[in-house]
Amino acid sequence: MEQLRIKTEEKREIKSCVFTGHRELGEDFSPKKLYEETEKLIKRGVDTFYSGMAMGFDIMAAFAVLFLKKKYPHVKLVACIPCYGQEKNFPTETQAHYAEILKKADEKVLLSEHYYQGCMQVRDKYMVDNSDVMIAYCKKSKGGAAYTVGYFKKKYPDGEIVFV
């Protein structure tokens, strides 16, 4: 006689997180909440964080990870760069932050040597495809952050998205 087993739901191990958000941060944006939610994920076992390195939320998220690495040195920051020269049109101060993050990132992934229409979506797809959970600051139904949230929901219908 064949042995019967009770089917139990297996929980997917969560090890990596993708950040997505707007370039312009509203008055409702809380850097403190971003740090707190990132730390909560670290305490749950997340050890790899993907930042798309765009102005605004992505840069803030990368700095949150770098700050938390002081307390949790095992954590990795992966800087996902859509194309060479991504930062060339950033304001001077943001270019300096971008360079600082790149120096401290544990891994740098360059997805294209040159800009082309759609390279940002390729970067976003890469990050989602390599992540288990998402932290998002998304207040609009259109644009890059909305695309990335939508792609994550489609890829992981039961996936966890933490909105900050």
Foldseek 3Di string as FASTA:
>chain_A
DDDDDDDDDDDDQFAEEEEEEDLDDDPPDDLVVLLVVVVVVVVSHHAEYEAQLHHDPSLSNLVSQVVCCVVVVSHAYEHEYLEPCNCVPPPPVSVVSSVVSVVVGPHYHYNYHHDDPCSSVVSLLVRLVPGQEYEYADDDCDDDRVSSVVVNCVVPVPGYYHYD
